[in-house]
Amino acid sequence: RKGSKLKRRDIREAAQSRERRSGNDLIAARLWGAGSAGTWRRYLLRTASRGLFSGLRLVRGRLVLCLAFHDVCPQAPTHFLVIPKKPITQISVAEDDDENLLGHLMIVGKKCAADLGLKKGYRMVINEGADGGQSVYHIHLHVLGGRQMKWPPG
């Protein structure tokens, strides 16, 4: 690899290697191509050796505008992410024409929550910037449920 830039072939090879061991080829195939300036791609390659795909289950298949999958470090009994395929680093840089896409993330989150039986409620969160707890700079909606959420959070 030259510098910090990862080539698509490297990502595909890492995903294929991981899927052979874990059997989660569906997730690998859908995730390696999503990302803002390679953010998700780098995350996938960096975490492949730690078993990213082995602990992940697909919540909902590929959607036209976004993907949904379980979080690798759940903070609630049910914790999944909904990510847009469009590269948007954070909510503060989203354009006015991203309004429908951002609303779509919430609708997909609602449908996935229903699929997972979160009938008593759930929380949707988008972290913004370092002080907001953002660690991956590609917008992603956290959906947490399966227990009573506390307020205030954090």
Protein backbone atom coordinates (compact mmCIF):
# COMPACT_ATOMS: atom_id res chain seq x y z
CA ARG A 1 0.00 0.00 0.00
CA LYS A 2 1.28 3.46 -0.82
CA GLY A 3 0.83 5.99 1.98
CA SER A 4 -2.54 6.00 3.69
CA LYS A 5 -4.59 5.55 0.52
CA LEU A 6 -6.21 2.17 0.25
CA LYS A 7 -7.03 0.70 -3.10
CA ARG A 8 -10.39 -0.85 -3.83
CA ARG A 9 -8.62 -4.15 -4.53
CA ASP A 10 -7.10 -4.13 -1.01
CA ILE A 11 -10.52 -3.59 0.53
CA ARG A 12 -12.07 -6.33 -1.57
CA GLU A 13 -9.27 -8.77 -0.69
CA ALA A 14 -9.62 -8.01 3.03
CA ALA A 15 -13.38 -8.45 2.84
CA GLN A 16 -13.06 -11.69 0.87
CA SER A 17 -10.51 -13.05 3.32
CA ARG A 18 -12.77 -12.14 6.24
CA GLU A 19 -15.90 -13.55 4.60
CA ARG A 20 -14.20 -16.90 3.99
CA ARG A 21 -13.61 -17.18 7.71
CA SER A 22 -16.91 -15.73 8.95
CA GLY A 23 -19.43 -16.48 6.22
CA ASN A 24 -20.77 -12.93 6.28
CA ASP A 25 -20.00 -12.20 2.63
CA LEU A 26 -23.23 -10.24 2.26
CA ILE A 27 -22.06 -7.63 4.74
CA ALA A 28 -18.55 -7.49 3.35
CA ALA A 29 -19.80 -7.03 -0.18
CA ARG A 30 -22.13 -4.21 0.82
CA LEU A 31 -19.81 -2.32 3.12
CA TRP A 32 -16.49 -2.18 1.33
CA GLY A 33 -17.84 0.26 -1.23
CA ALA A 34 -19.58 2.66 1.16
CA GLY A 35 -17.63 5.51 2.58
CA SER A 36 -16.70 9.14 2.66
CA ALA A 37 -13.20 9.63 1.34
CA GLY A 38 -12.57 6.03 2.29
CA THR A 39 -13.61 6.44 5.95
CA TRP A 40 -15.67 3.26 6.13
CA ARG A 41 -13.20 1.49 3.86
CA ARG A 42 -10.29 2.30 6.19
CA TYR A 43 -12.40 1.31 9.19
CA LEU A 44 -13.23 -2.03 7.62
CA LEU A 45 -9.64 -2.81 6.70
CA ARG A 46 -8.32 -1.66 10.08
CA THR A 47 -10.83 -3.77 12.00
CA ALA A 48 -10.90 -6.84 9.75
CA SER A 49 -8.25 -8.55 11.84
CA ARG A 50 -10.30 -7.88 14.99
CA GLY A 51 -13.29 -9.74 13.60
CA LEU A 52 -15.51 -6.95 12.33
CA PHE A 53 -17.55 -9.23 10.13
CA SER A 54 -17.62 -12.13 12.57
CA GLY A 55 -19.67 -10.13 15.08
CA LEU A 56 -21.90 -8.37 12.59
CA ARG A 57 -25.28 -9.37 11.27
CA LEU A 58 -27.09 -7.58 8.50
CA VAL A 59 -30.17 -5.77 9.79
CA ARG A 60 -31.62 -4.90 6.41
CA GLY A 61 -30.24 -5.56 2.96
CA ARG A 62 -28.80 -3.02 0.60
CA LEU A 63 -31.08 -0.06 0.13
CA VAL A 64 -30.84 2.41 -2.70
CA LEU A 65 -29.56 5.24 -0.51
CA CYS A 66 -28.18 3.61 2.63
CA LEU A 67 -27.11 0.50 4.52
CA ALA A 68 -28.09 -0.74 7.98
CA PHE A 69 -26.11 -3.13 10.18
CA HIS A 70 -25.51 -3.96 13.84
CA ASP A 71 -22.90 -1.90 15.69
CA VAL A 72 -19.69 -3.79 16.51
CA CYS A 73 -19.62 -2.21 19.98
CA PRO A 74 -23.28 -2.14 21.08
CA GLN A 75 -24.31 0.29 23.81
CA ALA A 76 -27.77 -1.25 24.23
CA PRO A 77 -29.31 -4.71 23.77
CA THR A 78 -30.20 -3.62 20.22
CA HIS A 79 -27.81 -1.15 18.58
CA PHE A 80 -27.52 -0.73 14.84
CA LEU A 81 -26.28 1.92 12.44
CA VAL A 82 -27.88 3.35 9.33
CA ILE A 83 -25.35 4.94 6.98
CA PRO A 84 -25.92 6.81 3.73
CA LYS A 85 -23.96 5.67 0.71
CA LYS A 86 -23.43 9.33 -0.19
CA PRO A 87 -20.22 10.64 1.37
CA ILE A 88 -21.19 13.25 3.99
CA THR A 89 -18.63 13.61 6.78
CA GLN A 90 -20.86 15.22 9.41
CA ILE A 91 -24.22 16.88 9.84
CA SER A 92 -22.68 20.38 9.99
CA VAL A 93 -21.46 20.08 6.39
CA ALA A 94 -24.65 18.52 4.99
CA GLU A 95 -26.15 20.54 2.15
CA ASP A 96 -29.77 21.62 1.83
CA ASP A 97 -30.23 19.03 -0.92
CA ASP A 98 -29.32 16.28 1.59
CA GLU A 99 -32.59 16.89 3.46
CA ASN A 100 -34.43 13.95 1.87
CA LEU A 101 -31.48 11.59 2.38
CA LEU A 102 -31.17 12.48 6.07
CA GLY A 103 -34.91 11.98 6.55
CA HIS A 104 -34.63 8.66 4.71
CA LEU A 105 -32.06 7.46 7.28
CA MET A 106 -34.65 7.96 10.02
CA ILE A 107 -37.38 6.15 8.09
CA VAL A 108 -35.04 3.21 7.45
CA GLY A 109 -34.10 3.26 11.15
CA LYS A 110 -37.80 3.14 12.06
CA LYS A 111 -38.42 0.18 9.73
CA CYS A 112 -35.39 -1.71 11.04
CA ALA A 113 -36.46 -1.04 14.64
CA ALA A 114 -39.87 -2.54 13.83
CA ASP A 115 -38.21 -5.54 12.16
CA LEU A 116 -36.18 -6.08 15.33
CA GLY A 117 -39.23 -5.88 17.59
CA LEU A 118 -38.45 -2.59 19.33
CA LYS A 119 -42.10 -1.95 20.19
CA LYS A 120 -41.57 -0.06 23.47
CA GLY A 121 -39.33 2.58 21.93
CA TYR A 122 -35.79 3.35 20.88
CA ARG A 123 -33.38 6.25 20.58
CA MET A 124 -31.91 7.69 17.36
CA VAL A 125 -28.63 9.61 17.60
CA ILE A 126 -26.24 11.31 15.18
CA ASN A 127 -22.96 12.38 16.80
CA GLU A 128 -21.44 15.66 15.56
CA GLY A 129 -17.76 16.50 15.95
CA ALA A 130 -15.28 15.49 18.61
CA ASP A 131 -17.24 17.02 21.51
CA GLY A 132 -20.38 15.26 20.27
CA GLY A 133 -18.62 11.89 20.35
CA GLN A 134 -18.11 11.48 16.59
CA SER A 135 -15.23 9.11 15.88
CA VAL A 136 -16.02 8.01 12.30
CA TYR A 137 -16.34 10.94 9.93
CA HIS A 138 -19.11 9.64 7.71
CA ILE A 139 -22.62 10.46 8.95
CA HIS A 140 -24.28 7.49 10.59
CA LEU A 141 -27.49 7.21 12.56
CA HIS A 142 -27.30 5.12 15.74
CA VAL A 143 -30.53 3.36 16.71
CA LEU A 144 -30.51 2.00 20.27
CA GLY A 145 -33.24 0.05 22.03
CA GLY A 146 -34.19 -2.98 24.04
CA ARG A 147 -34.00 -1.22 27.41
CA GLN A 148 -35.15 1.97 29.13
CA MET A 149 -32.94 4.85 27.96
CA LYS A 150 -31.76 7.34 30.56
CA TRP A 151 -31.87 11.14 30.35
CA PRO A 152 -29.75 13.11 30.12
CA PRO A 153 -27.44 10.93 28.01
CA GLY A 154 -23.65 11.00 28.43
